[in-house]
């Protein structure tokens, strides 16, 4: 008897996560090994379960799919990640592929296309849109030094990074933006990771050097 492909589903929306589990569990040759509601849960689950394929949502409120993929691949290079996203934003998808993902599927195409992509990733292939494939090749042949923080960070992350550069602490950022301090902390952690900065001081220097922030109120 053929061993089924064991899958870890990472998706923050409960109804989507459970729907994917219900669909994939009924397909011959597939087995859902576990589920995670965000990137923070995904990393330890992936390392513990060692699934054959990780179906990873791209946009999540805590640790996003790019950061989670990068961390999983760094700690388990053999991991095979398939990105699941609602948006055909090739820039974000290319960043996920640079982090180590092998391919992607749009949420509106879940069904046989997702099943086919899971089998492809398990076989070591990369299900990619041709346009995204070209963008990936271009990004990998462009020196990383040319990649600015403005290209790596989301709009919200860039907004928070500018406040960090001005010396705002997490509480002041939370008050200024009207969000929780926990959310700020999660964003700052992700920003430091994307910026390859060891601390807030390094991040501030990088923001100022790239002309992305000012020390003064705008």
N, C-alpha and C. Protein backbone atom coordinates (compact mmCIF):
# COMPACT_ATOMS: atom_id res chain seq x y z
N UNK A 1 0.83 -1.20 0.00
CA UNK A 1 0.00 0.00 0.00
C UNK A 1 0.88 1.26 0.00
N UNK A 2 0.52 2.25 -0.83
CA UNK A 2 1.30 3.47 -0.95
C UNK A 2 1.14 4.34 0.30
N UNK A 3 2.26 4.84 0.80
CA UNK A 3 2.23 5.73 1.97
C UNK A 3 1.63 7.07 1.57
N UNK A 4 0.64 7.57 2.31
CA UNK A 4 0.02 8.85 1.93
C UNK A 4 0.96 10.03 2.15
N UNK A 5 0.69 11.12 1.47
CA UNK A 5 1.44 12.37 1.66
C UNK A 5 0.88 13.07 2.88
N UNK A 6 1.71 13.26 3.89
CA UNK A 6 1.28 13.90 5.13
C UNK A 6 1.41 15.42 5.00
N UNK A 7 0.34 16.13 5.34
CA UNK A 7 0.24 17.57 5.09
C UNK A 7 0.02 18.33 6.39
N UNK A 8 0.71 19.46 6.53
CA UNK A 8 0.45 20.41 7.62
C UNK A 8 -0.23 21.62 6.99
N UNK A 9 -1.41 21.98 7.49
CA UNK A 9 -2.15 23.13 6.98
C UNK A 9 -1.94 24.32 7.90
N UNK A 10 -1.48 25.44 7.35
CA UNK A 10 -1.26 26.66 8.13
C UNK A 10 -2.16 27.75 7.55
N UNK A 11 -3.19 28.12 8.29
CA UNK A 11 -4.19 29.08 7.81
C UNK A 11 -4.87 29.73 9.00
N UNK A 12 -4.93 31.07 9.02
CA UNK A 12 -5.47 31.77 10.19
C UNK A 12 -7.00 31.78 10.25
N UNK A 13 -7.67 31.66 9.11
CA UNK A 13 -9.13 31.67 9.11
C UNK A 13 -9.65 30.26 9.41
N UNK A 14 -10.37 30.14 10.52
CA UNK A 14 -10.84 28.83 10.97
C UNK A 14 -11.65 28.10 9.92
N UNK A 15 -12.60 28.80 9.30
CA UNK A 15 -13.48 28.15 8.33
C UNK A 15 -12.70 27.64 7.12
N UNK A 16 -11.70 28.39 6.70
CA UNK A 16 -10.87 27.97 5.56
C UNK A 16 -9.99 26.80 5.97
N UNK A 17 -9.38 26.90 7.15
CA UNK A 17 -8.50 25.84 7.64
C UNK A 17 -9.24 24.51 7.76
N UNK A 18 -10.42 24.56 8.38
CA UNK A 18 -11.20 23.34 8.56
C UNK A 18 -11.74 22.82 7.23
N UNK A 19 -12.07 23.75 6.32
CA UNK A 19 -12.53 23.34 4.99
C UNK A 19 -11.45 22.61 4.22
N UNK A 20 -10.23 23.13 4.29
CA UNK A 20 -9.10 22.49 3.62
C UNK A 20 -8.84 21.10 4.21
N UNK A 21 -8.92 21.02 5.54
CA UNK A 21 -8.71 19.74 6.21
C UNK A 21 -9.74 18.72 5.76
N UNK A 22 -11.02 19.14 5.73
CA UNK A 22 -12.10 18.24 5.33
C UNK A 22 -11.92 17.77 3.89
N UNK A 23 -11.52 18.70 3.00
CA UNK A 23 -11.37 18.35 1.59
C UNK A 23 -10.19 17.41 1.37
N UNK A 24 -9.04 17.77 1.93
CA UNK A 24 -7.83 16.99 1.68
C UNK A 24 -7.87 15.62 2.35
N UNK A 25 -8.56 15.53 3.48
CA UNK A 25 -8.63 14.26 4.21
C UNK A 25 -9.38 13.19 3.44
N UNK A 26 -10.23 13.61 2.51
CA UNK A 26 -11.05 12.64 1.76
C UNK A 26 -10.38 12.19 0.46
N UNK A 27 -9.23 12.81 0.13
CA UNK A 27 -8.58 12.50 -1.14
C UNK A 27 -7.62 11.32 -0.99
N UNK A 28 -7.68 10.35 -1.89
CA UNK A 28 -6.76 9.21 -1.84
C UNK A 28 -5.30 9.67 -1.91
N UNK A 29 -4.49 9.08 -1.08
CA UNK A 29 -3.06 9.39 -1.09
C UNK A 29 -2.67 10.61 -0.30
N UNK A 30 -3.65 11.28 0.34
CA UNK A 30 -3.35 12.47 1.14
C UNK A 30 -3.81 12.26 2.58
N UNK A 31 -3.08 12.82 3.52
CA UNK A 31 -3.44 12.72 4.93
C UNK A 31 -3.04 14.01 5.64
N UNK A 32 -3.97 14.62 6.39
CA UNK A 32 -3.67 15.84 7.14
C UNK A 32 -3.02 15.46 8.47
N UNK A 33 -1.75 15.81 8.62
CA UNK A 33 -1.00 15.45 9.83
C UNK A 33 -1.23 16.44 10.97
N UNK A 34 -1.60 17.69 10.61
CA UNK A 34 -1.81 18.70 11.64
C UNK A 34 -2.25 20.01 11.03
N UNK A 35 -2.66 20.94 11.91
CA UNK A 35 -3.09 22.26 11.48
C UNK A 35 -2.51 23.31 12.42
N UNK A 36 -2.26 24.51 11.89
CA UNK A 36 -1.76 25.63 12.68
C UNK A 36 -2.52 26.88 12.27
N UNK A 37 -2.80 27.76 13.25
CA UNK A 37 -3.61 28.95 13.00
C UNK A 37 -2.78 30.17 12.62
N UNK A 38 -1.46 30.09 12.72
CA UNK A 38 -0.60 31.21 12.34
C UNK A 38 0.84 30.72 12.22
N UNK A 39 1.72 31.64 11.80
CA UNK A 39 3.11 31.27 11.60
C UNK A 39 3.83 30.87 12.87
N UNK A 40 3.44 31.46 13.99
CA UNK A 40 4.08 31.13 15.27
C UNK A 40 3.81 29.67 15.65
N UNK A 41 2.61 29.20 15.36
CA UNK A 41 2.27 27.80 15.63
C UNK A 41 2.90 26.88 14.59
N UNK A 42 3.03 27.38 13.38
CA UNK A 42 3.49 26.55 12.27
C UNK A 42 4.92 26.04 12.46
N UNK A 43 5.80 26.90 12.95
CA UNK A 43 7.22 26.53 13.05
C UNK A 43 7.42 25.32 13.96
N UNK A 44 6.98 25.36 15.22
CA UNK A 44 7.18 24.18 16.07
C UNK A 44 6.42 22.95 15.58
N UNK A 45 5.23 23.16 15.00
CA UNK A 45 4.47 22.02 14.47
C UNK A 45 5.21 21.35 13.33
N UNK A 46 5.77 22.16 12.43
CA UNK A 46 6.50 21.61 11.29
C UNK A 46 7.72 20.82 11.75
N UNK A 47 8.43 21.36 12.72
CA UNK A 47 9.64 20.70 13.21
C UNK A 47 9.31 19.42 13.99
N UNK A 48 8.14 19.41 14.62
CA UNK A 48 7.75 18.23 15.40
C UNK A 48 7.14 17.14 14.50
N UNK A 49 6.26 17.54 13.59
CA UNK A 49 5.54 16.57 12.76
C UNK A 49 6.33 16.11 11.54
N UNK A 50 7.21 17.00 11.03
CA UNK A 50 7.97 16.72 9.82
C UNK A 50 7.05 16.23 8.69
N UNK A 51 6.05 17.04 8.31
CA UNK A 51 5.12 16.62 7.25
C UNK A 51 5.82 16.59 5.90
N UNK A 52 5.20 15.89 4.95
CA UNK A 52 5.77 15.82 3.60
C UNK A 52 5.61 17.15 2.87
N UNK A 53 4.48 17.82 3.09
CA UNK A 53 4.20 19.11 2.46
C UNK A 53 3.52 20.03 3.48
N UNK A 54 3.95 21.29 3.50
CA UNK A 54 3.33 22.31 4.35
C UNK A 54 2.56 23.27 3.45
N UNK A 55 1.25 23.32 3.62
CA UNK A 55 0.42 24.28 2.88
C UNK A 55 0.32 25.53 3.74
N UNK A 56 0.99 26.61 3.32
CA UNK A 56 1.20 27.80 4.14
C UNK A 56 0.46 29.04 3.62
N UNK A 57 -0.43 29.57 4.44
CA UNK A 57 -1.08 30.83 4.09
C UNK A 57 -0.02 31.93 4.06
N UNK A 58 -0.17 32.90 3.16
CA UNK A 58 0.84 33.94 3.02
C UNK A 58 0.63 35.09 4.01
N UNK A 59 -0.63 35.54 4.15
CA UNK A 59 -0.91 36.69 5.00
C UNK A 59 -1.62 36.24 6.28
N UNK A 60 -0.95 36.42 7.42
CA UNK A 60 -1.51 36.05 8.72
C UNK A 60 -1.21 37.16 9.72
N UNK A 61 -2.07 37.34 10.74
CA UNK A 61 -1.93 38.49 11.64
C UNK A 61 -0.73 38.46 12.57
N UNK A 62 -0.24 37.29 12.89
CA UNK A 62 0.95 37.23 13.76
C UNK A 62 2.17 37.11 12.86
N UNK A 63 2.85 35.99 12.90
CA UNK A 63 3.99 35.78 12.00
C UNK A 63 3.46 35.38 10.63
N UNK A 64 3.83 36.12 9.59
CA UNK A 64 3.28 35.83 8.26
C UNK A 64 3.95 34.61 7.63
N UNK A 65 3.41 34.20 6.48
CA UNK A 65 3.89 33.00 5.83
C UNK A 65 5.33 33.08 5.36
N UNK A 66 5.77 34.28 4.99
CA UNK A 66 7.15 34.45 4.54
C UNK A 66 8.13 34.21 5.69
N UNK A 67 7.87 34.84 6.82
CA UNK A 67 8.74 34.68 7.98
C UNK A 67 8.73 33.24 8.49
N UNK A 68 7.53 32.63 8.54
CA UNK A 68 7.43 31.25 9.01
C UNK A 68 8.16 30.30 8.07
N UNK A 69 8.00 30.50 6.78
CA UNK A 69 8.69 29.66 5.80
C UNK A 69 10.20 29.78 5.95
N UNK A 70 10.67 31.01 6.06
CA UNK A 70 12.12 31.23 6.19
C UNK A 70 12.67 30.53 7.44
N UNK A 71 11.95 30.65 8.56
CA UNK A 71 12.42 30.04 9.81
C UNK A 71 12.40 28.52 9.72
N UNK A 72 11.36 27.96 9.13
CA UNK A 72 11.27 26.51 8.99
C UNK A 72 12.41 25.98 8.12
N UNK A 73 12.63 26.64 6.99
CA UNK A 73 13.68 26.18 6.07
C UNK A 73 15.06 26.31 6.71
N UNK A 74 15.27 27.36 7.49
CA UNK A 74 16.57 27.53 8.15
C UNK A 74 16.84 26.40 9.12
N UNK A 75 15.79 25.93 9.79
CA UNK A 75 15.95 24.89 10.80
C UNK A 75 15.73 23.48 10.27
N UNK A 76 15.05 23.39 9.13
CA UNK A 76 14.79 22.10 8.49
C UNK A 76 14.83 22.29 6.97
N UNK A 77 16.02 22.27 6.37
CA UNK A 77 16.19 22.59 4.95
C UNK A 77 15.41 21.67 4.00
N UNK A 78 15.05 20.47 4.46
CA UNK A 78 14.34 19.53 3.58
C UNK A 78 12.84 19.82 3.49
N UNK A 79 12.35 20.76 4.29
CA UNK A 79 10.91 21.06 4.31
C UNK A 79 10.43 21.51 2.92
N UNK A 80 9.21 21.09 2.58
CA UNK A 80 8.62 21.46 1.29
C UNK A 80 7.36 22.27 1.56
N UNK A 81 7.43 23.56 1.21
CA UNK A 81 6.35 24.50 1.52
C UNK A 81 5.63 24.94 0.26
N UNK A 82 4.31 24.89 0.32
CA UNK A 82 3.45 25.34 -0.77
C UNK A 82 2.64 26.53 -0.27
N UNK A 83 2.82 27.69 -0.88
CA UNK A 83 2.14 28.91 -0.43
C UNK A 83 0.70 28.94 -0.93
N UNK A 84 -0.20 29.33 -0.02
CA UNK A 84 -1.61 29.48 -0.35
C UNK A 84 -1.97 30.94 -0.09
N UNK A 85 -2.45 31.66 -1.10
CA UNK A 85 -2.72 33.08 -0.94
C UNK A 85 -3.98 33.51 -1.68
N UNK A 86 -4.61 34.57 -1.18
CA UNK A 86 -5.81 35.11 -1.83
C UNK A 86 -5.47 36.07 -2.95
N UNK A 87 -4.21 36.56 -2.96
CA UNK A 87 -3.83 37.61 -3.89
C UNK A 87 -2.70 37.17 -4.80
N UNK A 88 -2.82 37.47 -6.09
CA UNK A 88 -1.76 37.13 -7.03
C UNK A 88 -0.72 38.25 -7.08
N UNK A 89 -0.25 38.65 -5.90
CA UNK A 89 0.78 39.69 -5.78
C UNK A 89 2.14 39.01 -5.97
N UNK A 90 2.65 39.07 -7.21
CA UNK A 90 3.85 38.32 -7.51
C UNK A 90 5.06 38.78 -6.71
N UNK A 91 5.10 40.04 -6.28
CA UNK A 91 6.24 40.51 -5.48
C UNK A 91 6.29 39.77 -4.15
N UNK A 92 5.13 39.64 -3.47
CA UNK A 92 5.08 38.92 -2.20
C UNK A 92 5.35 37.42 -2.41
N UNK A 93 4.81 36.88 -3.49
CA UNK A 93 5.02 35.46 -3.76
C UNK A 93 6.50 35.18 -4.05
N UNK A 94 7.14 36.06 -4.80
CA UNK A 94 8.57 35.91 -5.08
C UNK A 94 9.37 35.95 -3.78
N UNK A 95 8.98 36.83 -2.86
CA UNK A 95 9.67 36.90 -1.56
C UNK A 95 9.50 35.59 -0.80
N UNK A 96 8.31 35.00 -0.88
CA UNK A 96 8.08 33.71 -0.22
C UNK A 96 8.94 32.61 -0.85
N UNK A 97 9.08 32.66 -2.16
CA UNK A 97 9.92 31.68 -2.86
C UNK A 97 11.39 31.87 -2.49
N UNK A 98 11.78 33.11 -2.34
CA UNK A 98 13.16 33.38 -1.90
C UNK A 98 13.39 32.85 -0.50
N UNK A 99 12.33 32.84 0.30
CA UNK A 99 12.44 32.32 1.67
C UNK A 99 12.53 30.80 1.70
N UNK A 100 12.18 30.15 0.57
CA UNK A 100 12.33 28.70 0.51
C UNK A 100 11.11 27.93 0.06
N UNK A 101 9.97 28.63 -0.17
CA UNK A 101 8.77 27.94 -0.65
C UNK A 101 9.01 27.40 -2.06
N UNK A 102 8.30 26.32 -2.40
CA UNK A 102 8.52 25.68 -3.70
C UNK A 102 7.49 26.06 -4.75
N UNK A 103 6.37 26.65 -4.34
CA UNK A 103 5.34 27.02 -5.29
C UNK A 103 4.18 27.68 -4.58
N UNK A 104 3.14 27.98 -5.33
CA UNK A 104 1.99 28.64 -4.72
C UNK A 104 0.70 28.28 -5.45
N UNK A 105 -0.42 28.43 -4.73
CA UNK A 105 -1.75 28.23 -5.29
C UNK A 105 -2.64 29.35 -4.74
N UNK A 106 -3.49 29.91 -5.60
CA UNK A 106 -4.44 30.92 -5.17
C UNK A 106 -5.62 30.25 -4.47
N UNK A 107 -6.13 30.90 -3.41
CA UNK A 107 -7.23 30.30 -2.65
C UNK A 107 -8.47 30.07 -3.50
N UNK A 108 -8.68 30.94 -4.48
CA UNK A 108 -9.86 30.75 -5.33
C UNK A 108 -9.73 29.54 -6.25
N UNK A 109 -8.52 28.98 -6.29
CA UNK A 109 -8.30 27.81 -7.15
C UNK A 109 -8.18 26.51 -6.37
N UNK A 110 -8.49 26.57 -5.05
CA UNK A 110 -8.37 25.34 -4.26
C UNK A 110 -9.33 24.30 -4.80
N UNK A 111 -8.92 23.07 -4.70
CA UNK A 111 -9.66 21.97 -5.30
C UNK A 111 -8.64 21.10 -5.99
N UNK A 112 -8.90 20.72 -7.22
CA UNK A 112 -7.98 19.84 -7.93
C UNK A 112 -6.62 20.51 -8.16
N UNK A 113 -6.62 21.84 -8.36
CA UNK A 113 -5.34 22.53 -8.57
C UNK A 113 -4.45 22.44 -7.33
N UNK A 114 -5.06 22.59 -6.16
CA UNK A 114 -4.29 22.47 -4.91
C UNK A 114 -3.77 21.05 -4.75
N UNK A 115 -4.61 20.08 -5.03
CA UNK A 115 -4.20 18.67 -4.91
C UNK A 115 -3.04 18.37 -5.85
N UNK A 116 -3.16 18.86 -7.10
CA UNK A 116 -2.08 18.66 -8.07
C UNK A 116 -0.78 19.31 -7.59
N UNK A 117 -0.90 20.53 -7.03
CA UNK A 117 0.28 21.25 -6.55
C UNK A 117 0.94 20.51 -5.39
N UNK A 118 0.14 19.94 -4.50
CA UNK A 118 0.69 19.17 -3.37
C UNK A 118 1.51 17.99 -3.89
N UNK A 119 0.97 17.29 -4.87
CA UNK A 119 1.70 16.15 -5.45
C UNK A 119 2.97 16.63 -6.14
N UNK A 120 2.90 17.77 -6.82
CA UNK A 120 4.09 18.31 -7.50
C UNK A 120 5.18 18.66 -6.50
N UNK A 121 4.81 19.38 -5.44
CA UNK A 121 5.78 19.78 -4.42
C UNK A 121 6.38 18.54 -3.74
N UNK A 122 5.53 17.56 -3.46
CA UNK A 122 6.03 16.32 -2.83
C UNK A 122 7.04 15.62 -3.73
N UNK A 123 6.84 15.76 -5.05
CA UNK A 123 7.75 15.12 -6.02
C UNK A 123 8.99 15.98 -6.29
N UNK A 124 9.08 17.13 -5.62
CA UNK A 124 10.24 17.99 -5.81
C UNK A 124 10.10 18.98 -6.93
N UNK A 125 8.88 19.13 -7.47
CA UNK A 125 8.63 20.09 -8.54
C UNK A 125 8.09 21.40 -7.97
N UNK A 126 8.07 22.44 -8.81
CA UNK A 126 7.62 23.76 -8.36
C UNK A 126 6.47 24.27 -9.22
N UNK A 127 5.23 24.20 -8.71
CA UNK A 127 4.09 24.74 -9.45
C UNK A 127 4.11 26.26 -9.45
N UNK A 128 4.50 26.87 -10.59
CA UNK A 128 4.67 28.32 -10.65
C UNK A 128 4.00 28.91 -11.88
N UNK A 129 3.41 30.07 -11.70
CA UNK A 129 2.92 30.86 -12.82
C UNK A 129 4.16 31.35 -13.59
N UNK A 130 4.16 31.33 -14.93
CA UNK A 130 5.34 31.75 -15.71
C UNK A 130 5.84 33.16 -15.37
N UNK A 131 4.90 34.11 -15.14
CA UNK A 131 5.30 35.47 -14.81
C UNK A 131 6.05 35.50 -13.49
N UNK A 132 5.54 34.77 -12.51
CA UNK A 132 6.20 34.72 -11.20
C UNK A 132 7.55 34.03 -11.33
N UNK A 133 7.62 33.01 -12.14
CA UNK A 133 8.90 32.31 -12.34
C UNK A 133 9.95 33.28 -12.90
N UNK A 134 9.56 34.12 -13.85
CA UNK A 134 10.50 35.10 -14.41
C UNK A 134 10.94 36.10 -13.35
N UNK A 135 9.96 36.56 -12.54
CA UNK A 135 10.30 37.51 -11.48
C UNK A 135 11.28 36.90 -10.47
N UNK A 136 11.09 35.61 -10.19
CA UNK A 136 11.97 34.93 -9.25
C UNK A 136 13.39 34.86 -9.79
N UNK A 137 13.52 34.50 -11.07
CA UNK A 137 14.85 34.44 -11.69
C UNK A 137 15.52 35.81 -11.64
N UNK A 138 14.76 36.87 -11.94
CA UNK A 138 15.31 38.23 -11.92
C UNK A 138 15.75 38.61 -10.51
N UNK A 139 14.93 38.26 -9.51
CA UNK A 139 15.25 38.64 -8.14
C UNK A 139 16.49 37.91 -7.63
N UNK A 140 16.65 36.64 -8.05
CA UNK A 140 17.78 35.86 -7.59
C UNK A 140 19.07 36.26 -8.28
N UNK A 141 18.97 36.89 -9.46
CA UNK A 141 20.17 37.33 -10.17
C UNK A 141 20.49 38.80 -9.90
N UNK A 142 19.66 39.46 -9.06
CA UNK A 142 19.92 40.83 -8.67
C UNK A 142 20.58 40.84 -7.30
N UNK A 143 21.69 41.54 -7.12
CA UNK A 143 22.35 41.56 -5.82
C UNK A 143 21.40 41.96 -4.71
N UNK A 144 21.49 41.26 -3.57
CA UNK A 144 20.59 41.53 -2.44
C UNK A 144 20.76 42.94 -1.90
N UNK A 145 21.96 43.53 -2.07
CA UNK A 145 22.20 44.86 -1.54
C UNK A 145 21.26 45.89 -2.16
N UNK A 146 20.77 45.59 -3.39
CA UNK A 146 19.88 46.53 -4.05
C UNK A 146 18.45 46.45 -3.50
N UNK A 147 18.20 45.44 -2.67
CA UNK A 147 16.88 45.23 -2.10
C UNK A 147 16.72 46.12 -0.87
N UNK A 148 15.85 47.12 -0.95
CA UNK A 148 15.69 48.05 0.16
C UNK A 148 14.61 47.57 1.12
N UNK A 149 14.60 48.15 2.31
CA UNK A 149 13.58 47.81 3.29
C UNK A 149 12.19 48.13 2.78
N UNK A 150 12.07 49.16 1.98
CA UNK A 150 10.76 49.54 1.44
C UNK A 150 10.18 48.41 0.60
N UNK A 151 11.03 47.57 0.01
CA UNK A 151 10.56 46.46 -0.81
C UNK A 151 10.26 45.23 0.05
N UNK A 152 10.92 45.13 1.19
CA UNK A 152 10.75 43.94 2.04
C UNK A 152 9.58 44.07 3.01
N UNK A 153 9.29 45.30 3.45
CA UNK A 153 8.28 45.50 4.48
C UNK A 153 6.90 45.82 3.90
N UNK A 154 5.86 45.40 4.61
CA UNK A 154 4.51 45.80 4.24
C UNK A 154 4.33 47.28 4.61
N UNK A 155 3.24 47.88 4.17
CA UNK A 155 2.99 49.28 4.47
C UNK A 155 2.91 49.51 5.99
N UNK A 156 2.24 48.62 6.70
CA UNK A 156 2.11 48.75 8.16
C UNK A 156 3.47 48.58 8.84
N UNK A 157 4.26 47.62 8.38
CA UNK A 157 5.59 47.40 8.95
C UNK A 157 6.48 48.61 8.72
N UNK A 158 6.39 49.21 7.53
CA UNK A 158 7.21 50.39 7.23
C UNK A 158 6.80 51.56 8.12
N UNK A 159 5.50 51.68 8.36
CA UNK A 159 4.98 52.74 9.25
C UNK A 159 5.54 52.56 10.66
N UNK A 160 5.54 51.35 11.15
CA UNK A 160 6.05 51.07 12.50
C UNK A 160 7.56 51.26 12.54
N UNK A 161 8.26 50.82 11.49
CA UNK A 161 9.72 50.97 11.44
C UNK A 161 10.12 52.45 11.50
N UNK A 162 9.33 53.30 10.87
CA UNK A 162 9.63 54.75 10.90
C UNK A 162 9.50 55.28 12.33
N UNK A 163 8.51 54.79 13.07
CA UNK A 163 8.33 55.23 14.45
C UNK A 163 9.44 54.69 15.34
N UNK A 164 9.88 53.48 15.07
CA UNK A 164 11.01 52.91 15.82
C UNK A 164 12.25 53.77 15.59
N UNK A 165 12.45 54.20 14.35
CA UNK A 165 13.61 55.03 14.01
C UNK A 165 13.58 56.36 14.75
N UNK A 166 12.37 56.83 15.10
CA UNK A 166 12.25 58.08 15.85
C UNK A 166 12.42 57.88 17.35
N UNK A 167 12.58 56.64 17.75
CA UNK A 167 12.80 56.36 19.16
C UNK A 167 11.55 56.01 19.95
N UNK A 168 10.43 55.79 19.26
CA UNK A 168 9.20 55.41 19.94
C UNK A 168 9.34 54.01 20.53
N UNK A 169 8.86 53.81 21.76
CA UNK A 169 8.80 52.46 22.29
C UNK A 169 7.48 51.81 21.85
N UNK A 170 7.30 50.54 22.16
CA UNK A 170 6.12 49.81 21.68
C UNK A 170 4.81 50.42 22.17
N UNK A 171 4.79 50.88 23.43
CA UNK A 171 3.57 51.45 23.97
C UNK A 171 3.18 52.73 23.22
N UNK A 172 4.17 53.56 22.93
CA UNK A 172 3.89 54.81 22.22
C UNK A 172 3.44 54.53 20.79
N UNK A 173 4.04 53.53 20.16
CA UNK A 173 3.64 53.16 18.81
C UNK A 173 2.19 52.67 18.81
N UNK A 174 1.86 51.83 19.80
CA UNK A 174 0.50 51.29 19.90
C UNK A 174 -0.51 52.42 20.07
N UNK A 175 -0.19 53.39 20.92
CA UNK A 175 -1.09 54.52 21.14
C UNK A 175 -1.23 55.38 19.89
N UNK A 176 -0.11 55.61 19.22
CA UNK A 176 -0.11 56.44 18.01
C UNK A 176 -0.94 55.83 16.88
N UNK A 177 -0.82 54.52 16.72
CA UNK A 177 -1.48 53.84 15.60
C UNK A 177 -2.83 53.24 15.97
N UNK A 178 -3.16 53.26 17.26
CA UNK A 178 -4.45 52.71 17.68
C UNK A 178 -4.54 51.20 17.58
N UNK A 179 -3.42 50.52 17.85
CA UNK A 179 -3.40 49.06 17.83
C UNK A 179 -2.86 48.55 19.16
N UNK A 180 -2.96 47.26 19.40
CA UNK A 180 -2.53 46.71 20.69
C UNK A 180 -1.00 46.64 20.77
N UNK A 181 -0.48 46.68 21.97
CA UNK A 181 0.96 46.61 22.17
C UNK A 181 1.49 45.24 21.75
N UNK A 182 0.66 44.21 21.90
CA UNK A 182 1.07 42.87 21.47
C UNK A 182 1.24 42.83 19.95
N UNK A 183 0.33 43.48 19.24
CA UNK A 183 0.43 43.53 17.78
C UNK A 183 1.69 44.27 17.36
N UNK A 184 1.98 45.36 18.06
CA UNK A 184 3.21 46.11 17.77
C UNK A 184 4.43 45.23 17.98
N UNK A 185 4.44 44.49 19.09
CA UNK A 185 5.58 43.62 19.38
C UNK A 185 5.80 42.58 18.29
N UNK A 186 4.70 42.01 17.80
CA UNK A 186 4.79 41.01 16.72
C UNK A 186 5.35 41.65 15.45
N UNK A 187 4.84 42.84 15.12
CA UNK A 187 5.34 43.55 13.92
C UNK A 187 6.83 43.86 14.05
N UNK A 188 7.24 44.34 15.21
CA UNK A 188 8.65 44.72 15.41
C UNK A 188 9.55 43.49 15.24
N UNK A 189 9.12 42.36 15.79
CA UNK A 189 9.90 41.13 15.64
C UNK A 189 10.05 40.76 14.18
N UNK A 190 8.95 40.83 13.43
CA UNK A 190 9.00 40.50 12.00
C UNK A 190 9.86 41.49 11.22
N UNK A 191 9.76 42.77 11.59
CA UNK A 191 10.55 43.81 10.92
C UNK A 191 12.04 43.59 11.12
N UNK A 192 12.44 43.31 12.36
CA UNK A 192 13.85 43.06 12.66
C UNK A 192 14.37 41.87 11.86
N UNK A 193 13.53 40.85 11.73
CA UNK A 193 13.93 39.66 10.97
C UNK A 193 14.11 40.01 9.50
N UNK A 194 13.16 40.71 8.92
CA UNK A 194 13.23 41.06 7.50
C UNK A 194 14.39 42.01 7.22
N UNK A 195 14.72 42.85 8.20
CA UNK A 195 15.79 43.84 8.02
C UNK A 195 17.16 43.27 8.35
N UNK A 196 17.19 42.02 8.86
CA UNK A 196 18.45 41.42 9.32
C UNK A 196 19.12 42.31 10.36
N UNK A 197 18.29 42.91 11.22
CA UNK A 197 18.80 43.81 12.26
C UNK A 197 18.74 43.11 13.61
N UNK A 198 19.80 43.24 14.39
CA UNK A 198 19.87 42.57 15.70
C UNK A 198 19.03 43.27 16.75
N UNK A 199 18.80 44.59 16.56
CA UNK A 199 18.04 45.34 17.56
C UNK A 199 17.43 46.59 16.92
N UNK A 200 16.72 47.36 17.75
CA UNK A 200 16.03 48.55 17.25
C UNK A 200 17.00 49.62 16.77
N UNK A 201 18.16 49.71 17.40
CA UNK A 201 19.16 50.71 17.02
C UNK A 201 19.67 50.44 15.61
N UNK A 202 19.97 49.17 15.32
CA UNK A 202 20.43 48.81 13.97
C UNK A 202 19.34 49.09 12.94
N UNK A 203 18.10 48.80 13.32
CA UNK A 203 16.98 49.06 12.40
C UNK A 203 16.87 50.55 12.12
N UNK A 204 16.97 51.37 13.15
CA UNK A 204 16.86 52.82 12.99
C UNK A 204 17.97 53.34 12.06
N UNK A 205 19.18 52.85 12.25
CA UNK A 205 20.30 53.29 11.41
C UNK A 205 20.06 52.90 9.95
N UNK A 206 19.53 51.70 9.74
CA UNK A 206 19.27 51.24 8.38
C UNK A 206 18.16 52.07 7.72
N UNK A 207 17.11 52.37 8.49
CA UNK A 207 16.02 53.19 7.96
C UNK A 207 16.52 54.58 7.57
N UNK A 208 17.34 55.18 8.41
CA UNK A 208 17.87 56.51 8.14
C UNK A 208 18.84 56.48 6.95
N UNK A 209 19.66 55.44 6.88
CA UNK A 209 20.63 55.32 5.80
C UNK A 209 19.94 55.20 4.45
N UNK A 210 18.80 54.50 4.41
CA UNK A 210 18.08 54.31 3.16
C UNK A 210 17.08 55.42 2.88
N UNK A 211 17.06 56.45 3.76
CA UNK A 211 16.19 57.58 3.54
C UNK A 211 14.72 57.28 3.73
N UNK A 212 14.42 56.27 4.55
CA UNK A 212 13.04 55.85 4.77
C UNK A 212 12.43 56.44 6.03
N UNK A 213 13.24 57.15 6.81
CA UNK A 213 12.72 57.71 8.07
C UNK A 213 13.44 59.01 8.40
N UNK A 214 12.80 59.77 9.28
CA UNK A 214 13.37 61.01 9.77
C UNK A 214 13.35 60.99 11.29
N UNK A 215 14.29 61.65 11.91
CA UNK A 215 14.33 61.71 13.36
C UNK A 215 13.28 62.69 13.90
N UNK A 216 12.69 63.46 13.01
CA UNK A 216 11.77 64.51 13.42
C UNK A 216 10.34 64.19 12.97
N UNK A 217 9.39 64.77 13.66
CA UNK A 217 7.98 64.60 13.31
C UNK A 217 7.72 65.18 11.91
N UNK A 218 6.94 64.46 11.11
CA UNK A 218 6.69 64.93 9.75
C UNK A 218 5.39 65.69 9.70
